[in-house]
Amino acid sequence: MSVQPIRPGFTGVFTALVTPMRPSASDGDVPEIDEAGLAALVEAQLAGGVTGLVACGTTGEAATMSAAEQGRVIRVVVEAARR
């Protein structure tokens, strides 16, 4: 049985990533992105054979993050995936 892509170029397994958070260094009550944890998550997903990553999806914490935070998450994911 052949798998047909929904759109050309999008095949395989894509996972929706959680965004690891940690207490802020400046204000412990406000969480900030755990960039090292996010990069490690990306590396683990790719090592496990995932072919695509979804950062800041519609069902996760992205709805509560600022545009700047979402941009940073996307940059961290892209940088980690390119390693």
Protein backbone atom coordinates (compact mmCIF):
# COMPACT_ATOMS: atom_id res chain seq x y z
CA MET A 1 0.00 0.00 0.00
CA SER A 2 1.43 3.35 -1.04
CA VAL A 3 1.01 6.40 1.18
CA GLN A 4 -0.10 9.45 -0.77
CA PRO A 5 0.96 12.82 0.64
CA ILE A 6 -1.75 15.36 1.43
CA ARG A 7 0.43 17.94 -0.27
CA PRO A 8 3.51 17.20 -2.32
CA GLY A 9 6.56 17.39 -0.08
CA PHE A 10 4.75 16.67 3.19
CA THR A 11 5.14 12.98 3.99
CA GLY A 12 6.19 11.01 7.01
CA VAL A 13 5.62 11.58 10.70
CA PHE A 14 5.20 15.10 12.08
CA THR A 15 5.03 15.66 15.83
CA ALA A 16 3.55 18.61 17.66
CA LEU A 17 6.17 19.83 20.10
CA VAL A 18 5.51 21.00 23.62
CA THR A 19 7.41 24.11 24.65
CA PRO A 20 9.44 23.38 27.77
CA MET A 21 9.22 26.25 30.25
CA ARG A 22 11.19 27.14 33.38
CA PRO A 23 10.89 29.83 36.05
CA SER A 24 12.20 33.17 34.82
CA ALA A 25 15.58 34.26 36.18
CA SER A 26 14.22 37.79 36.72
CA ASP A 27 10.73 36.87 38.01
CA GLY A 28 10.27 33.34 39.29
CA ASP A 29 6.47 33.62 38.94
CA VAL A 30 6.66 34.16 35.18
CA PRO A 31 7.81 31.19 33.09
CA GLU A 32 10.25 31.54 30.22
CA ILE A 33 11.19 29.22 27.37
CA ASP A 34 13.68 26.52 28.31
CA GLU A 35 15.70 26.83 25.11
CA ALA A 36 18.16 24.05 25.98
CA GLY A 37 15.27 21.73 26.83
CA LEU A 38 13.50 22.61 23.58
CA ALA A 39 16.63 21.97 21.52
CA ALA A 40 17.11 18.61 23.27
CA LEU A 41 13.48 17.70 22.53
CA VAL A 42 13.98 18.51 18.84
CA GLU A 43 17.16 16.42 18.70
CA ALA A 44 15.42 13.48 20.40
CA GLN A 45 12.48 13.63 17.99
CA LEU A 46 14.76 13.68 14.95
CA ALA A 47 16.92 10.87 16.36
CA GLY A 48 13.72 8.83 16.75
CA GLY A 49 12.97 9.15 13.05
CA VAL A 50 10.42 11.97 12.99
CA THR A 51 10.41 13.69 9.61
CA GLY A 52 8.68 16.94 10.57
CA LEU A 53 8.22 19.16 13.60
CA VAL A 54 5.29 21.41 14.48
CA ALA A 55 6.19 24.26 16.80
CA CYS A 56 3.61 26.65 18.26
CA GLY A 57 0.64 24.61 17.12
CA THR A 58 -2.96 25.53 17.82
CA THR A 59 -3.61 23.05 20.64
CA GLY A 60 -0.70 23.91 22.91
CA GLU A 61 0.70 26.76 24.91
CA ALA A 62 1.33 28.97 21.87
CA ALA A 63 -2.01 30.70 22.44
CA THR A 64 -0.65 32.10 25.70
CA MET A 65 2.76 33.13 24.36
CA SER A 66 3.65 36.51 22.91
CA ALA A 67 4.59 36.87 19.25
CA ALA A 68 8.20 37.37 20.34
CA GLU A 69 8.14 34.14 22.36
CA GLN A 70 6.60 32.23 19.46
CA GLY A 71 9.28 33.59 17.14
CA ARG A 72 11.99 32.52 19.56
CA VAL A 73 10.53 29.00 19.81
CA ILE A 74 10.50 28.70 16.02
CA ARG A 75 14.10 29.96 15.77
CA VAL A 76 15.30 27.48 18.43
CA VAL A 77 13.51 24.58 16.69
CA VAL A 78 14.93 25.48 13.26
CA GLU A 79 18.46 25.94 14.62
CA ALA A 80 18.34 22.62 16.49
CA ALA A 81 16.91 20.78 13.49
CA ARG A 82 19.71 22.06 11.25
CA ARG A 83 22.48 20.68 13.49
